[in-house]
C-alpha atoms as a PDB file:
ATOM      1  CA  MET A   1     104.423  99.573 130.901  1.00  0.00           C
ATOM      2  CA  PHE A   2     102.008  97.699 128.608  1.00  0.00           C
ATOM      3  CA  SER A   3     101.747 100.803 126.405  1.00  0.00           C
ATOM      4  CA  ARG A   4     105.548 101.016 126.081  1.00  0.00           C
ATOM      5  CA  ILE A   5     105.679  97.344 125.102  1.00  0.00           C
ATOM      6  CA  THR A   6     102.887  97.969 122.570  1.00  0.00           C
ATOM      7  CA  PHE A   7     104.770 100.930 121.057  1.00  0.00           C
ATOM      8  CA  TRP A   8     107.930  98.906 120.425  1.00  0.00           C
ATOM      9  CA  ALA A   9     105.874  95.976 119.176  1.00  0.00           C
ATOM     10  CA  ILE A  10     104.286  98.293 116.574  1.00  0.00           C
ATOM     11  CA  VAL A  11     107.705  99.614 115.497  1.00  0.00           C
ATOM     12  CA  LEU A  12     109.163  96.109 115.153  1.00  0.00           C
ATOM     13  CA  ALA A  13     106.034  94.837 113.382  1.00  0.00           C
ATOM     14  CA  GLY A  14     106.265  97.591 110.763  1.00  0.00           C
ATOM     15  CA  LEU A  15     109.984  97.035 110.140  1.00  0.00           C
ATOM     16  CA  THR A  16     109.649  93.257 109.986  1.00  0.00           C
ATOM     17  CA  ASP A  17     106.681  93.480 107.639  1.00  0.00           C
ATOM     18  CA  GLY A  18     108.707  95.817 105.407  1.00  0.00           C
ATOM     19  CA  ILE A  19     111.453  93.208 104.905  1.00  0.00           C
ATOM     20  CA  ASN A  20     109.261  90.120 104.685  1.00  0.00           C
ATOM     21  CA  PRO A  21     109.500  88.225 101.358  1.00  0.00           C
ATOM     22  CA  CYS A  22     106.097  89.509 100.192  1.00  0.00           C
ATOM     23  CA  ALA A  23     107.149  93.157 100.242  1.00  0.00           C
ATOM     24  CA  PHE A  24     110.858  92.705  99.577  1.00  0.00           C
ATOM     25  CA  ALA A  25     110.399  90.720  96.338  1.00  0.00           C
ATOM     26  CA  VAL A  26     108.227  93.505  94.899  1.00  0.00           C
ATOM     27  CA  ILE A  27     110.781  96.169  95.848  1.00  0.00           C
ATOM     28  CA  VAL A  28     113.598  94.208  94.190  1.00  0.00           C
ATOM     29  CA  PHE A  29     111.629  93.748  90.964  1.00  0.00           C
ATOM     30  CA  PHE A  30     110.778  97.457  90.921  1.00  0.00           C
ATOM     31  CA  ILE A  31     114.456  98.416  91.248  1.00  0.00           C
ATOM     32  CA  SER A  32     115.374  95.842  88.599  1.00  0.00           C
ATOM     33  CA  PHE A  33     112.759  97.276  86.233  1.00  0.00           C
ATOM     34  CA  LEU A  34     114.098 100.829  86.605  1.00  0.00           C
ATOM     35  CA  SER A  35     117.612  99.532  85.940  1.00  0.00           C
ATOM     36  CA  VAL A  36     116.674  97.490  82.846  1.00  0.00           C
ATOM     37  CA  TYR A  37     114.796 100.424  81.316  1.00  0.00           C
ATOM     38  CA  LYS A  38     117.818 102.634  82.082  1.00  0.00           C
ATOM     39  CA  TYR A  39     116.042 105.288  84.090  1.00  0.00           C
ATOM     40  CA  GLU A  40     118.239 108.287  84.835  1.00  0.00           C
ATOM     41  CA  ARG A  41     119.122 109.300  88.376  1.00  0.00           C
ATOM     42  CA  LYS A  42     116.610 112.160  88.546  1.00  0.00           C
ATOM     43  CA  GLU A  43     113.904 109.896  87.120  1.00  0.00           C
ATOM     44  CA  ILE A  44     114.640 107.215  89.756  1.00  0.00           C
ATOM     45  CA  ILE A  45     114.399 109.863  92.488  1.00  0.00           C
ATOM     46  CA  LEU A  46     111.073 111.114  91.085  1.00  0.00           C
ATOM     47  CA  VAL A  47     109.592 107.633  90.609  1.00  0.00           C
ATOM     48  CA  GLY A  48     111.011 106.370  93.912  1.00  0.00           C
ATOM     49  CA  CYS A  49     109.565 109.250  95.958  1.00  0.00           C
ATOM     50  CA  ALA A  50     106.148 108.898  94.297  1.00  0.00           C
ATOM     51  CA  TYR A  51     106.133 105.118  94.732  1.00  0.00           C
ATOM     52  CA  CYS A  52     107.180 105.225  98.421  1.00  0.00           C
ATOM     53  CA  GLY A  53     104.637 107.931  99.187  1.00  0.00           C
ATOM     54  CA  SER A  54     101.882 106.060  97.386  1.00  0.00           C
ATOM     55  CA  VAL A  55     102.633 102.794  99.223  1.00  0.00           C
ATOM     56  CA  PHE A  56     102.516 104.642 102.547  1.00  0.00           C
ATOM     57  CA  VAL A  57      99.180 106.330 101.744  1.00  0.00           C
ATOM     58  CA  ALA A  58      97.656 103.090 100.423  1.00  0.00           C
ATOM     59  CA  TYR A  59      98.566 101.112 103.550  1.00  0.00           C
ATOM     60  CA  VAL A  60      97.394 103.911 105.850  1.00  0.00           C
ATOM     61  CA  LEU A  61      94.033 103.981 104.042  1.00  0.00           C
ATOM     62  CA  ILE A  62      93.728 100.183 104.270  1.00  0.00           C
ATOM     63  CA  GLY A  63      94.551 100.352 107.978  1.00  0.00           C
ATOM     64  CA  LEU A  64      92.154 103.239 108.630  1.00  0.00           C
ATOM     65  CA  GLY A  65      89.370 101.390 106.816  1.00  0.00           C
ATOM     66  CA  LEU A  66      89.840  98.238 108.889  1.00  0.00           C
ATOM     67  CA  PHE A  67      90.360 100.199 112.094  1.00  0.00           C
ATOM     68  CA  ASN A  68      87.295 102.410 111.551  1.00  0.00           C
ATOM     69  CA  PHE A  69      85.090  99.373 110.830  1.00  0.00           C
ATOM     70  CA  LEU A  70      86.316  97.476 113.904  1.00  0.00           C
ATOM     71  CA  TYR A  71      86.098 100.575 116.113  1.00  0.00           C
ATOM     72  CA  LYS A  72      82.430 100.992 115.160  1.00  0.00           C
ATOM     73  CA  MET A  73      81.877  97.313 115.938  1.00  0.00           C
ATOM     74  CA  SER A  74      83.487  97.647 119.389  1.00  0.00           C
ATOM     75  CA  SER A  75      80.079  98.139 121.052  1.00  0.00           C
ATOM     76  CA  PHE A  76      78.979  94.712 119.786  1.00  0.00           C
ATOM     77  CA  TYR A  77      80.496  92.363 122.355  1.00  0.00           C
ATOM     78  CA  TYR A  78      80.086  89.076 120.472  1.00  0.00           C
ATOM     79  CA  VAL A  79      81.344  90.548 117.184  1.00  0.00           C
ATOM     80  CA  MET A  80      84.526  91.823 118.846  1.00  0.00           C
ATOM     81  CA  TRP A  81      84.908  88.632 120.882  1.00  0.00           C
ATOM     82  CA  GLY A  82      84.739  86.636 117.648  1.00  0.00           C
ATOM     83  CA  PHE A  83      87.180  88.966 115.887  1.00  0.00           C
ATOM     84  CA  LYS A  84      89.697  88.754 118.736  1.00  0.00           C
ATOM     85  CA  TRP A  85      89.657  84.957 118.727  1.00  0.00           C
ATOM     86  CA  PHE A  86      89.802  84.896 114.922  1.00  0.00           C
ATOM     87  CA  THR A  87      92.891  87.129 115.044  1.00  0.00           C
ATOM     88  CA  ILE A  88      94.492  85.022 117.776  1.00  0.00           C
ATOM     89  CA  ILE A  89      93.936  81.803 115.807  1.00  0.00           C
ATOM     90  CA  LEU A  90      95.189  83.485 112.620  1.00  0.00           C
ATOM     91  CA  CYS A  91      98.287  84.768 114.415  1.00  0.00           C
ATOM     92  CA  ALA A  92      98.993  81.296 115.832  1.00  0.00           C
ATOM     93  CA  LEU A  93      98.563  79.782 112.364  1.00  0.00           C
ATOM     94  CA  PHE A  94     100.994  82.270 110.804  1.00  0.00           C
ATOM     95  CA  LEU A  95     103.446  81.566 113.622  1.00  0.00           C
ATOM     96  CA  ILE A  96     103.351  77.840 112.777  1.00  0.00           C
ATOM     97  CA  LEU A  97     103.609  78.468 109.016  1.00  0.00           C
ATOM     98  CA  SER A  98     106.496  80.922 109.448  1.00  0.00           C
ATOM     99  CA  PHE A  99     108.346  78.397 111.591  1.00  0.00           C
ATOM    100  CA  TYR A 100     107.633  75.726 108.956  1.00  0.00           C
ATOM    101  CA  ASP A 101     109.012  78.049 106.240  1.00  0.00           C
ATOM    102  CA  PHE A 102     112.107  78.676 108.356  1.00  0.00           C
ATOM    103  CA  ILE A 103     112.798  74.953 108.812  1.00  0.00           C
ATOM    104  CA  VAL A 104     112.079  74.084 105.156  1.00  0.00           C
ATOM    105  CA  TYR A 105     114.304  76.860 103.844  1.00  0.00           C
ATOM    106  CA  GLN A 106     117.143  75.954 106.220  1.00  0.00           C
ATOM    107  CA  ILE A 107     116.998  72.390 104.866  1.00  0.00           C
ATOM    108  CA  THR A 108     116.361  72.981 101.148  1.00  0.00           C
ATOM    109  CA  LYS A 109     117.637  76.557 100.600  1.00  0.00           C
ATOM    110  CA  LYS A 110     114.858  76.909  98.004  1.00  0.00           C
ATOM    111  CA  SER A 111     112.621  79.971  98.293  1.00  0.00           C
ATOM    112  CA  GLU A 112     109.907  78.383  96.127  1.00  0.00           C
ATOM    113  CA  LYS A 113     109.259  75.884  98.936  1.00  0.00           C
ATOM    114  CA  VAL A 114     108.193  78.712 101.243  1.00  0.00           C
ATOM    115  CA  ILE A 115     104.440  78.864 101.929  1.00  0.00           C
ATOM    116  CA  LEU A 116     103.989  82.440 103.166  1.00  0.00           C
ATOM    117  CA  GLN A 117     104.929  84.484 100.126  1.00  0.00           C
ATOM    118  CA  LEU A 118     103.234  86.427  97.355  1.00  0.00           C
ATOM    119  CA  GLY A 119     101.582  83.895  95.022  1.00  0.00           C
ATOM    120  CA  LYS A 120     102.846  83.428  91.468  1.00  0.00           C
ATOM    121  CA  SER A 121      99.673  84.877  89.916  1.00  0.00           C
ATOM    122  CA  ASN A 122      99.886  87.964  92.141  1.00  0.00           C
ATOM    123  CA  LYS A 123     103.592  88.398  91.338  1.00  0.00           C
ATOM    124  CA  GLU A 124     102.775  88.314  87.626  1.00  0.00           C
ATOM    125  CA  ARG A 125      99.960  90.818  88.180  1.00  0.00           C
ATOM    126  CA  VAL A 126     102.354  93.170  89.990  1.00  0.00           C
ATOM    127  CA  HIS A 127     104.940  92.842  87.201  1.00  0.00           C
ATOM    128  CA  LYS A 128     102.312  93.633  84.557  1.00  0.00           C
ATOM    129  CA  ILE A 129     101.176  96.746  86.435  1.00  0.00           C
ATOM    130  CA  ILE A 130     104.735  98.054  86.780  1.00  0.00           C
ATOM    131  CA  ARG A 131     105.518  97.379  83.103  1.00  0.00           C
ATOM    132  CA  TYR A 132     102.248  98.881  81.863  1.00  0.00           C
ATOM    133  CA  PHE A 133     102.557 102.199  83.693  1.00  0.00           C
ATOM    134  CA  LEU A 134     106.325 102.730  83.706  1.00  0.00           C
ATOM    135  CA  ARG A 135     107.684 101.216  80.494  1.00  0.00           C
ATOM    136  CA  ASP A 136     107.580 104.631  78.765  1.00  0.00           C
ATOM    137  CA  LYS A 137     110.232 106.552  80.674  1.00  0.00           C
ATOM    138  CA  ASN A 138     110.104 109.406  78.137  1.00  0.00           C
ATOM    139  CA  LYS A 139     106.893 110.782  79.626  1.00  0.00           C
ATOM    140  CA  SER A 140     106.861 114.249  81.144  1.00  0.00           C
ATOM    141  CA  ALA A 141     107.973 114.471  84.773  1.00  0.00           C
ATOM    142  CA  PHE A 142     104.378 115.050  85.902  1.00  0.00           C
ATOM    143  CA  ARG A 143     103.008 112.025  84.011  1.00  0.00           C
ATOM    144  CA  LEU A 144     105.876 109.869  85.272  1.00  0.00           C
ATOM    145  CA  PHE A 145     105.150 111.003  88.831  1.00  0.00           C
ATOM    146  CA  CYS A 146     101.425 110.201  88.437  1.00  0.00           C
ATOM    147  CA  ALA A 147     102.223 106.807  86.891  1.00  0.00           C
ATOM    148  CA  ALA A 148     104.438 105.933  89.875  1.00  0.00           C
ATOM    149  CA  LEU A 149     101.651 106.985  92.260  1.00  0.00           C
ATOM    150  CA  VAL A 150      99.183 104.681  90.494  1.00  0.00           C
ATOM    151  CA  VAL A 151     101.700 101.815  90.474  1.00  0.00           C
ATOM    152  CA  GLY A 152     102.419 102.197  94.188  1.00  0.00           C
ATOM    153  CA  PHE A 153      98.722 102.222  95.062  1.00  0.00           C
ATOM    154  CA  LEU A 154      97.731  99.253  92.883  1.00  0.00           C
ATOM    155  CA  VAL A 155     100.752  97.182  93.924  1.00  0.00           C
ATOM    156  CA  SER A 156      99.978  97.876  97.592  1.00  0.00           C
ATOM    157  CA  LEU A 157      96.427  96.554  97.190  1.00  0.00           C
ATOM    158  CA  ILE A 158      97.750  93.294  95.705  1.00  0.00           C
ATOM    159  CA  GLU A 159     100.642  93.055  98.157  1.00  0.00           C
ATOM    160  CA  ALA A 160      98.293  93.559 101.118  1.00  0.00           C
ATOM    161  CA  VAL A 161      96.918  90.054 100.506  1.00  0.00           C
ATOM    162  CA  CYS A 162     100.259  88.751 101.783  1.00  0.00           C
ATOM    163  CA  THR A 163     101.463  91.509 104.136  1.00  0.00           C
ATOM    164  CA  GLY A 164      98.048  91.520 105.804  1.00  0.00           C
ATOM    165  CA  GLN A 165      99.203  88.506 107.816  1.00  0.00           C
ATOM    166  CA  VAL A 166     101.151  90.983 109.973  1.00  0.00           C
ATOM    167  CA  TYR A 167      98.970  94.064 109.498  1.00  0.00           C
ATOM    168  CA  LEU A 168      95.684  92.555 110.755  1.00  0.00           C
ATOM    169  CA  PRO A 169      97.038  91.289 114.129  1.00  0.00           C
ATOM    170  CA  THR A 170      98.841  94.612 114.555  1.00  0.00           C
ATOM    171  CA  ILE A 171      95.575  96.519 114.026  1.00  0.00           C
ATOM    172  CA  ALA A 172      93.954  94.243 116.598  1.00  0.00           C
ATOM    173  CA  VAL A 173      96.671  95.245 119.083  1.00  0.00           C
ATOM    174  CA  ILE A 174      96.293  98.942 118.186  1.00  0.00           C
ATOM    175  CA  LEU A 175      92.519  98.692 118.626  1.00  0.00           C
ATOM    176  CA  LYS A 176      93.064  98.092 122.346  1.00  0.00           C
ATOM    177  CA  GLU A 177      94.661 101.537 122.650  1.00  0.00           C
ATOM    178  CA  ALA A 178      91.579 103.226 121.126  1.00  0.00           C
ATOM    179  CA  ASN A 179      89.571 102.517 124.289  1.00  0.00           C
ATOM    180  CA  GLN A 180      92.114 104.510 126.324  1.00  0.00           C
ATOM    181  CA  ASP A 181      93.462 107.098 123.872  1.00  0.00           C
ATOM    182  CA  PHE A 182      92.141 107.320 120.295  1.00  0.00           C
ATOM    183  CA  PHE A 183      94.879 109.758 119.230  1.00  0.00           C
ATOM    184  CA  ARG A 184      97.576 107.381 120.459  1.00  0.00           C
ATOM    185  CA  ALA A 185      95.973 104.525 118.527  1.00  0.00           C
ATOM    186  CA  MET A 186      96.036 106.619 115.329  1.00  0.00           C
ATOM    187  CA  THR A 187      99.663 107.544 116.013  1.00  0.00           C
ATOM    188  CA  TYR A 188     100.552 103.857 116.313  1.00  0.00           C
ATOM    189  CA  LEU A 189      98.883 103.164 112.978  1.00  0.00           C
ATOM    190  CA  PHE A 190     100.946 105.869 111.267  1.00  0.00           C
ATOM    191  CA  ILE A 191     104.149 104.713 113.015  1.00  0.00           C
ATOM    192  CA  TYR A 192     103.569 101.150 111.778  1.00  0.00           C
ATOM    193  CA  ASN A 193     103.258 102.333 108.186  1.00  0.00           C
ATOM    194  CA  LEU A 194     106.262 104.647 108.451  1.00  0.00           C
ATOM    195  CA  MET A 195     108.332 101.698 109.670  1.00  0.00           C
ATOM    196  CA  PHE A 196     106.883  99.552 106.866  1.00  0.00           C
ATOM    197  CA  ILE A 197     108.294 101.834 104.143  1.00  0.00           C
ATOM    198  CA  VAL A 198     111.716 102.317 105.833  1.00  0.00           C
ATOM    199  CA  PRO A 199     113.235  99.246 104.043  1.00  0.00           C
ATOM    200  CA  LEU A 200     111.709 100.482 100.784  1.00  0.00           C
ATOM    201  CA  VAL A 201     113.301 103.929 101.199  1.00  0.00           C
ATOM    202  CA  ILE A 202     116.659 102.401 102.179  1.00  0.00           C
ATOM    203  CA  ILE A 203     116.704 100.212  99.052  1.00  0.00           C
ATOM    204  CA  PHE A 204     115.927 103.186  96.824  1.00  0.00           C
ATOM    205  CA  VAL A 205     118.738 105.184  98.429  1.00  0.00           C
ATOM    206  CA  LEU A 206     121.148 102.268  97.996  1.00  0.00           C
ATOM    207  CA  SER A 207     120.121 101.897  94.350  1.00  0.00           C
ATOM    208  CA  LEU A 208     120.956 105.582  93.842  1.00  0.00           C
ATOM    209  CA  LEU A 209     124.379 104.897  95.378  1.00  0.00           C
ATOM    210  CA  GLY A 210     125.028 102.259  92.717  1.00  0.00           C
ATOM    211  CA  TYR A 211     123.827  98.999  94.229  1.00  0.00           C
ATOM    212  CA  GLU A 212     122.197  96.690  91.678  1.00  0.00           C
ATOM    213  CA  SER A 213     119.025  94.646  92.008  1.00  0.00           C
ATOM    214  CA  LYS A 214     120.995  91.390  92.001  1.00  0.00           C
ATOM    215  CA  THR A 215     122.686  92.561  95.212  1.00  0.00           C
ATOM    216  CA  PHE A 216     119.283  92.896  96.860  1.00  0.00           C
ATOM    217  CA  ASN A 217     118.204  89.522  95.442  1.00  0.00           C
ATOM    218  CA  GLU A 218     121.276  87.881  96.915  1.00  0.00           C
ATOM    219  CA  PHE A 219     120.606  89.600 100.243  1.00  0.00           C
ATOM    220  CA  LEU A 220     117.017  88.301 100.283  1.00  0.00           C
ATOM    221  CA  ARG A 221     118.109  84.784  99.352  1.00  0.00           C
ATOM    222  CA  LYS A 222     120.911  84.765 101.918  1.00  0.00           C
ATOM    223  CA  HIS A 223     118.787  86.105 104.771  1.00  0.00           C
ATOM    224  CA  LEU A 224     115.421  84.526 103.931  1.00  0.00           C
ATOM    225  CA  GLY A 225     115.816  82.092 106.827  1.00  0.00           C
ATOM    226  CA  LEU A 226     116.519  84.929 109.273  1.00  0.00           C
ATOM    227  CA  THR A 227     113.561  86.872 107.881  1.00  0.00           C
ATOM    228  CA  LYS A 228     111.273  83.920 108.532  1.00  0.00           C
ATOM    229  CA  LEU A 229     112.698  83.547 112.037  1.00  0.00           C
ATOM    230  CA  ALA A 230     112.046  87.260 112.656  1.00  0.00           C
ATOM    231  CA  LEU A 231     108.449  86.754 111.505  1.00  0.00           C
ATOM    232  CA  CYS A 232     108.132  83.809 113.918  1.00  0.00           C
ATOM    233  CA  LEU A 233     109.255  85.981 116.819  1.00  0.00           C
ATOM    234  CA  LEU A 234     106.977  88.800 115.681  1.00  0.00           C
ATOM    235  CA  PHE A 235     103.894  86.555 115.486  1.00  0.00           C
ATOM    236  CA  LEU A 236     104.777  85.112 118.892  1.00  0.00           C
ATOM    237  CA  GLY A 237     105.009  88.615 120.366  1.00  0.00           C
ATOM    238  CA  LEU A 238     101.721  89.728 118.772  1.00  0.00           C
ATOM    239  CA  LEU A 239     100.059  86.532 119.969  1.00  0.00           C
ATOM    240  CA  ILE A 240     101.172  87.214 123.552  1.00  0.00           C
ATOM    241  CA  LEU A 241      99.904  90.822 123.341  1.00  0.00           C
ATOM    242  CA  LEU A 242      96.550  89.666 121.955  1.00  0.00           C
ATOM    243  CA  LEU A 243      96.129  86.999 124.633  1.00  0.00           C
ATOM    244  CA  ALA A 244      97.125  89.466 127.343  1.00  0.00           C
ATOM    245  CA  ASN A 245      94.362  91.770 126.145  1.00  0.00           C
ATOM    246  CA  MET A 246      91.581  89.134 126.223  1.00  0.00           C
END
């Protein structure tokens, strides 16, 4: 029963992380960039597939790195005890901050007042990376594909600073499964990352169907409060799972 609960928690964590403001804002800018530079349909498909695949691989590698390190540390009782309590405290903190963001946004309706989001300097860094590698859309298909792969990987590393607030507690939950079934733990890690890129894939498909970036911006602005509430519930659920595993 606990394993079934864990499975659905991983699925929901991945989906929720995929639509949180950190990830969603980057997706919207990426779509906007492709639109402004008037990329053709086949070019958007090529760049979109490479970008989505690169984001998935980057997050899997980040997760495997953290998981592998923690798994090797599992024989050190005090190290793992400290990590578990650190994760629990961190999860509780993010729960409080997400609830604060929800209340503040409901009152002010201003996204800049939100605490848990990608910082301005990191947003600018992401924008520079996208512009630098993809501003020349007249490259060969292979070079365009490689450029999108590099963009997806670099953006993921920067974005992970913010999305890690969900990823780290999720890895802590997955780590519990490794003591019972290592293969199942690895499967959970891949499922999380597949769910994480689902919103990204959906937005690319919708952009191909004619939806503009301003539509996605309006969606994010309109549902930012609900997104923060979803993050609150997610952190609460992860916190319960972590405490239940102590």
